[in-house]
Amino acid sequence: MTTDRTTTAPGGPLRLAEGATVSRLGYGAMQLPGPGVWGPPKDPAAALAVLRRAVELGVRHIDTSDFYGPHVANDLIREALHPYPDDLVIATKVGVVRDEWQSWNAAATPAELREQIEENLSRLGRARLDLVYLRVGGDGLLFPDETPFADSFGTLADLHRRGLIRHLGLSGVTTAQLAEAREIAPVVAVQNRFHLFDRASEDVLTACEEHGIAFVPYFPLAAGMLRPGLDTSQAPPGMAPTAEQQRTLDEVAGRHGATRTQVALAWLLARSPVILAIPGTGSVAHLEENVAAADLRLTESDIARLDELA
């Protein structure tokens, strides 16, 4: 699958699967709960306002999980948007639970996954989940569960056949895991870490392009490290831009009257026609800034410079 990266309309729709077409710039709910993705937000009314404004702006793809909070993000989504628009796709993730120390722990036994699916259905108020990702440890950010991968994904495939899940996805996977999953059931989306400064999942993106699978980068804005004035000294390796990278971003942004984050999102949308971006925020102003990035057209020269930033 190829595209003209200078002329493609970045904000155009992408067909996930039969009956599921979404705008290429969606919304990620990870920042709705409190600090550390734990507990309620400081301002619940502001969180509800962000969700409602996203739908008003045409966002039809919301990414969430019941382990955000835990439960907080899903509860807010239901309070803000239920009954849901018919064309709204809500994607969620399973395979992880939180403990009292706020750790992120793999939990992918068949029994655990069935329980997590039931919790997502209940919290979101849905009879069927639109898209469910199995979160695994292929990208190194989660210690893998001891359950064989085929058993975990096979459990979700069974729930898909039973009608509790409409579409299946994977998160944090290798190309080998993607191939193994596709032998079990259709995969419509993959969610791996990928942004301007981290291209480690390039091979997974290529595999998604070859098979017509949506690729949904998480941390599309380098986990918030693009905002000017932030102290990035303690940021994880590869997450925060260097001074030279910041200058390049600012130069490109300045030519378009845009912000760093808008340029980063526009680059992702121009990078591949199968990419769906899901930037998250707890601010209506930042949400509107992010959504506007769908209309930003980068030049061939801009893209070449940004391609070299990794």
Protein backbone atom coordinates (compact mmCIF):
# COMPACT_ATOMS: atom_id res chain seq x y z
CA MET A 1 0.00 0.00 0.00
CA THR A 2 1.49 3.36 -1.02
CA THR A 3 0.48 6.99 -0.87
CA ASP A 4 1.61 10.37 -2.14
CA ARG A 5 2.79 11.85 1.12
CA THR A 6 2.52 15.44 -0.08
CA THR A 7 -1.01 15.38 -1.45
CA THR A 8 -2.94 12.86 0.66
CA ALA A 9 -5.73 14.53 2.62
CA PRO A 10 -4.46 13.67 6.14
CA GLY A 11 -7.79 13.95 7.90
CA GLY A 12 -9.75 11.71 5.55
CA PRO A 13 -11.56 8.62 6.78
CA LEU A 14 -10.10 5.13 7.07
CA ARG A 15 -12.15 1.96 6.87
CA LEU A 16 -11.17 -0.33 9.75
CA ALA A 17 -13.43 -3.15 8.66
CA GLU A 18 -16.95 -3.76 7.43
CA GLY A 19 -19.22 -1.25 9.16
CA ALA A 20 -16.38 0.63 10.90
CA THR A 21 -15.06 3.75 9.17
CA VAL A 22 -13.38 6.40 11.32
CA SER A 23 -11.62 9.73 10.90
CA ARG A 24 -7.85 9.29 10.93
CA LEU A 25 -7.43 11.58 13.91
CA GLY A 26 -9.15 10.23 17.00
CA TYR A 27 -8.88 10.71 20.73
CA GLY A 28 -7.02 8.73 23.41
CA ALA A 29 -8.60 8.67 26.88
CA MET A 30 -5.46 7.84 28.87
CA GLN A 31 -5.10 11.39 30.22
CA LEU A 32 -8.64 11.63 31.55
CA PRO A 33 -7.94 10.05 34.98
CA GLY A 34 -5.73 11.63 37.64
CA PRO A 35 -1.90 11.73 37.72
CA GLY A 36 -0.28 8.44 36.83
CA VAL A 37 -3.50 7.38 35.08
CA TRP A 38 -4.83 6.71 38.57
CA GLY A 39 -7.98 7.87 40.30
CA PRO A 40 -10.45 10.55 39.28
CA PRO A 41 -9.46 13.72 37.42
CA LYS A 42 -8.99 16.95 39.38
CA ASP A 43 -11.81 18.49 37.36
CA PRO A 44 -14.38 15.87 36.27
CA ALA A 45 -16.46 18.51 34.50
CA ALA A 46 -13.48 19.44 32.32
CA ALA A 47 -12.90 15.78 31.45
CA LEU A 48 -16.52 15.40 30.39
CA ALA A 49 -16.28 18.60 28.36
CA VAL A 50 -13.26 17.24 26.45
CA LEU A 51 -15.11 14.08 25.46
CA ARG A 52 -18.21 15.95 24.35
CA ARG A 53 -16.16 18.49 22.41
CA ALA A 54 -14.25 15.70 20.65
CA VAL A 55 -17.50 14.28 19.29
CA GLU A 56 -18.69 17.78 18.34
CA LEU A 57 -15.47 18.22 16.32
CA GLY A 58 -16.16 15.04 14.37
CA VAL A 59 -13.97 12.59 16.27
CA ARG A 60 -15.45 9.12 15.78
CA HIS A 61 -12.65 6.98 17.21
CA ILE A 62 -12.04 6.97 20.97
CA ASP A 63 -9.34 4.77 22.48
CA THR A 64 -9.69 3.72 26.11
CA SER A 65 -9.21 0.88 28.59
CA ASP A 66 -10.78 -0.17 31.85
CA PHE A 67 -7.31 -0.15 33.44
CA TYR A 68 -7.15 3.63 32.93
CA GLY A 69 -7.98 4.78 36.42
CA PRO A 70 -8.83 1.92 36.81
CA HIS A 71 -12.41 2.25 35.54
CA VAL A 72 -12.26 6.06 35.52
CA ALA A 73 -11.84 6.64 31.78
CA ASN A 74 -14.63 4.24 30.83
CA ASP A 75 -16.99 5.69 33.43
CA LEU A 76 -16.34 9.21 32.12
CA ILE A 77 -16.90 8.13 28.51
CA ARG A 78 -20.24 6.60 29.41
CA GLU A 79 -21.33 9.63 31.44
CA ALA A 80 -20.33 12.07 28.71
CA LEU A 81 -21.48 10.28 25.58
CA HIS A 82 -24.06 7.57 26.31
CA PRO A 83 -26.25 6.94 24.37
CA TYR A 84 -23.45 6.87 21.84
CA PRO A 85 -23.61 8.15 18.26
CA ASP A 86 -24.20 5.26 15.88
CA ASP A 87 -20.93 5.91 14.05
CA LEU A 88 -18.72 6.22 17.14
CA VAL A 89 -16.05 3.50 17.45
CA ILE A 90 -14.82 2.94 21.01
CA ALA A 91 -11.67 0.82 21.18
CA THR A 92 -10.47 -0.70 24.42
CA LYS A 93 -7.53 -2.82 25.61
CA VAL A 94 -7.32 -5.90 27.80
CA GLY A 95 -4.45 -7.99 29.12
CA VAL A 96 -3.37 -5.60 31.89
CA VAL A 97 -4.57 -4.84 35.41
CA ARG A 98 -3.49 -2.26 38.01
CA ASP A 99 -2.64 -3.03 41.63
CA GLU A 100 -2.65 -0.94 44.80
CA TRP A 101 0.87 0.29 43.98
CA GLN A 102 -0.43 1.63 40.66
CA SER A 103 1.71 -0.87 38.74
CA TRP A 104 0.78 -2.13 35.27
CA ASN A 105 0.68 -5.92 35.42
CA ALA A 106 0.06 -8.41 32.63
CA ALA A 107 -3.15 -10.40 33.14
CA ALA A 108 -3.92 -12.47 30.05
CA THR A 109 -5.19 -15.84 31.19
CA PRO A 110 -8.47 -16.84 29.55
CA ALA A 111 -10.37 -16.28 32.81
CA GLU A 112 -8.78 -12.86 33.36
CA LEU A 113 -9.52 -11.74 29.81
CA ARG A 114 -13.16 -12.82 30.01
CA GLU A 115 -13.52 -10.88 33.27
CA GLN A 116 -11.93 -7.78 31.71
CA ILE A 117 -14.25 -7.96 28.71
CA GLU A 118 -17.28 -8.16 30.99
CA GLU A 119 -15.99 -5.18 33.00
CA ASN A 120 -15.51 -3.10 29.83
CA LEU A 121 -18.99 -3.99 28.60
CA SER A 122 -20.54 -3.05 31.92
CA ARG A 123 -18.62 0.20 32.45
CA LEU A 124 -19.16 1.44 28.89
CA GLY A 125 -22.80 0.34 28.83
CA ARG A 126 -22.50 -1.69 25.65
CA ALA A 127 -23.78 -5.10 24.59
CA ARG A 128 -20.79 -5.51 22.26
CA LEU A 129 -17.35 -3.88 22.20
CA ASP A 130 -16.39 -2.25 18.88
CA LEU A 131 -12.67 -3.04 18.94
CA VAL A 132 -10.61 -4.85 21.57
CA TYR A 133 -6.80 -4.91 21.62
CA LEU A 134 -4.87 -7.64 23.40
CA ARG A 135 -2.04 -5.79 25.16
CA VAL A 136 1.12 -7.91 25.21
CA GLY A 137 4.80 -7.32 25.94
CA GLY A 138 6.29 -7.42 22.48
CA ASP A 139 7.45 -3.78 22.60
CA GLY A 140 9.31 -4.12 25.90
CA LEU A 141 7.07 -1.84 28.00
CA LEU A 142 5.19 -4.65 29.73
CA PHE A 143 6.51 -7.86 31.26
CA PRO A 144 4.73 -10.53 29.19
CA ASP A 145 2.12 -12.76 30.76
CA GLU A 146 3.10 -16.42 31.13
CA THR A 147 -0.03 -17.51 29.26
CA PRO A 148 0.83 -18.63 25.71
CA PHE A 149 0.03 -15.86 23.27
CA ALA A 150 -2.18 -18.15 21.17
CA ASP A 151 -4.28 -19.02 24.21
CA SER A 152 -4.81 -15.37 25.11
CA PHE A 153 -5.69 -14.22 21.62
CA GLY A 154 -7.73 -17.36 21.07
CA THR A 155 -9.87 -16.38 24.06
CA LEU A 156 -10.67 -13.03 22.45
CA ALA A 157 -11.31 -14.76 19.12
CA ASP A 158 -13.88 -16.96 20.87
CA LEU A 159 -15.58 -13.90 22.39
CA HIS A 160 -15.55 -12.36 18.92
CA ARG A 161 -17.33 -15.41 17.51
CA ARG A 162 -19.86 -15.21 20.34
CA GLY A 163 -20.69 -11.61 19.40
CA LEU A 164 -19.24 -9.80 22.43
CA ILE A 165 -16.44 -8.22 20.37
CA ARG A 166 -16.95 -6.79 16.90
CA HIS A 167 -13.30 -6.43 15.83
CA LEU A 168 -9.96 -7.65 17.19
CA GLY A 169 -6.67 -5.80 17.57
CA LEU A 170 -3.22 -6.17 19.11
CA SER A 171 -1.07 -3.78 21.13
CA GLY A 172 2.66 -3.89 21.77
CA VAL A 173 3.38 -6.75 19.39
CA THR A 174 6.11 -7.98 17.09
CA THR A 175 5.64 -8.97 13.48
CA ALA A 176 5.84 -12.63 14.53
CA GLN A 177 3.02 -12.16 17.04
CA LEU A 178 0.94 -10.35 14.44
CA ALA A 179 1.43 -13.23 12.00
CA GLU A 180 0.54 -15.78 14.69
CA ALA A 181 -2.63 -13.89 15.62
CA ARG A 182 -3.74 -13.65 11.98
CA GLU A 183 -3.66 -17.44 11.80
CA ILE A 184 -6.26 -17.49 14.59
CA ALA A 185 -8.62 -14.64 13.66
CA PRO A 186 -8.71 -11.43 11.58
CA VAL A 187 -6.81 -8.47 13.05
CA VAL A 188 -8.09 -5.03 12.02
CA ALA A 189 -5.74 -2.79 14.05
CA VAL A 190 -2.37 -2.80 15.79
CA GLN A 191 -1.41 -0.30 18.48
CA ASN A 192 2.35 0.05 19.03
CA ARG A 193 4.59 2.82 20.29
CA PHE A 194 5.60 5.04 17.36
CA HIS A 195 6.30 8.75 16.96
CA LEU A 196 8.75 11.21 15.42
CA PHE A 197 11.60 10.11 17.68
CA ASP A 198 10.81 6.41 18.06
CA ARG A 199 10.50 4.27 14.93
CA ALA A 200 11.22 0.90 16.57
CA SER A 201 7.92 -0.48 15.24
CA GLU A 202 8.66 0.40 11.63
CA ASP A 203 8.61 -3.28 10.68
CA VAL A 204 5.19 -3.73 12.30
CA LEU A 205 3.88 -0.69 10.44
CA THR A 206 5.16 -2.17 7.17
CA ALA A 207 3.38 -5.46 7.92
CA CYS A 208 0.15 -3.55 8.63
CA GLU A 209 0.47 -1.73 5.30
CA GLU A 210 0.98 -5.03 3.48
CA HIS A 211 -2.14 -6.58 5.00
CA GLY A 212 -4.43 -3.53 5.11
CA ILE A 213 -4.41 -3.34 8.92
CA ALA A 214 -4.80 -0.01 10.73
CA PHE A 215 -1.72 1.07 12.69
CA VAL A 216 -2.52 3.17 15.75
CA PRO A 217 0.59 4.74 17.34
CA TYR A 218 0.40 5.18 21.09
CA PHE A 219 2.38 8.05 22.61
CA PRO A 220 1.98 9.83 19.23
CA LEU A 221 3.21 13.06 20.83
CA ALA A 222 6.16 11.45 22.64
CA ALA A 223 4.15 11.23 25.89
CA GLY A 224 3.71 15.00 26.04
CA MET A 225 7.40 15.79 25.63
CA LEU A 226 6.85 18.15 22.69
CA ARG A 227 5.40 21.04 24.66
CA PRO A 228 7.82 24.02 24.77
CA GLY A 229 9.31 24.80 28.17
CA LEU A 230 9.01 21.30 29.65
CA ASP A 231 11.82 19.87 31.78
CA THR A 232 12.76 16.81 29.75
CA SER A 233 15.88 15.85 31.72
CA GLN A 234 14.16 12.84 33.31
CA ALA A 235 12.33 11.69 30.21
CA PRO A 236 12.82 8.07 29.06
CA PRO A 237 15.43 7.56 26.29
CA GLY A 238 14.10 8.43 22.86
CA MET A 239 11.02 10.18 24.25
CA ALA A 240 12.11 13.81 24.57
CA PRO A 241 13.43 15.80 21.58
CA THR A 242 16.99 17.07 21.57
CA ALA A 243 17.69 20.77 21.14
CA GLU A 244 18.41 20.20 17.44
CA GLN A 245 15.19 18.24 16.98
CA GLN A 246 13.25 21.01 18.71
CA ARG A 247 14.74 23.59 16.34
CA THR A 248 13.70 21.54 13.32
CA LEU A 249 10.18 21.12 14.68
CA ASP A 250 9.93 24.84 15.40
CA GLU A 251 11.18 25.76 11.93
CA VAL A 252 8.63 23.51 10.21
CA ALA A 253 5.85 24.66 12.54
CA GLY A 254 6.74 28.30 12.00
CA ARG A 255 6.41 28.02 8.23
CA HIS A 256 2.87 26.70 8.63
CA GLY A 257 1.75 28.85 11.56
CA ALA A 258 1.33 25.61 13.49
CA THR A 259 2.53 24.11 16.78
CA ARG A 260 5.03 21.34 17.40
CA THR A 261 2.29 18.90 18.30
CA GLN A 262 0.35 19.69 15.14
CA VAL A 263 3.44 19.06 13.03
CA ALA A 264 4.10 15.76 14.83
CA LEU A 265 0.53 14.60 14.21
CA ALA A 266 0.53 15.75 10.59
CA TRP A 267 3.78 13.85 10.03
CA LEU A 268 2.19 10.65 11.41
CA LEU A 269 -0.84 11.01 9.15
CA ALA A 270 1.41 11.65 6.16
CA ARG A 271 3.73 8.77 7.10
CA SER A 272 1.26 6.06 6.04
CA PRO A 273 -2.36 5.83 4.90
CA VAL A 274 -3.03 3.09 7.49
CA ILE A 275 -2.07 5.25 10.48
CA LEU A 276 -4.79 6.40 12.87
CA ALA A 277 -3.57 8.95 15.43
CA ILE A 278 -5.12 9.05 18.92
CA PRO A 279 -3.58 12.00 20.81
CA GLY A 280 -4.92 12.40 24.32
CA THR A 281 -5.45 15.46 26.48
CA GLY A 282 -7.50 16.71 29.40
CA SER A 283 -7.80 20.20 27.90
CA VAL A 284 -10.43 21.37 25.41
CA ALA A 285 -7.95 23.90 23.99
CA HIS A 286 -5.33 21.21 23.38
CA LEU A 287 -7.99 18.92 21.92
CA GLU A 288 -8.98 21.57 19.40
CA GLU A 289 -5.31 22.15 18.56
CA ASN A 290 -4.79 18.43 17.98
CA VAL A 291 -7.89 17.99 15.82
CA ALA A 292 -6.84 20.94 13.66
CA ALA A 293 -3.66 19.03 12.75
CA ALA A 294 -5.78 16.87 10.43
CA ASP A 295 -5.92 19.81 8.02
CA LEU A 296 -2.18 20.55 8.07
CA ARG A 297 -0.47 19.60 4.81
CA LEU A 298 3.28 19.22 5.09
CA THR A 299 5.47 19.75 2.03
CA GLU A 300 7.81 17.13 0.62
CA SER A 301 10.72 19.12 2.08
CA ASP A 302 9.07 19.25 5.52
CA ILE A 303 8.50 15.50 5.51
CA ALA A 304 12.08 14.78 4.44
CA ARG A 305 13.45 16.85 7.33
CA LEU A 306 11.11 15.26 9.84
CA ASP A 307 11.88 11.76 8.56
CA GLU A 308 15.51 12.35 9.61
CA LEU A 309 14.66 13.22 13.24
CA ALA A 310 14.61 9.65 14.59
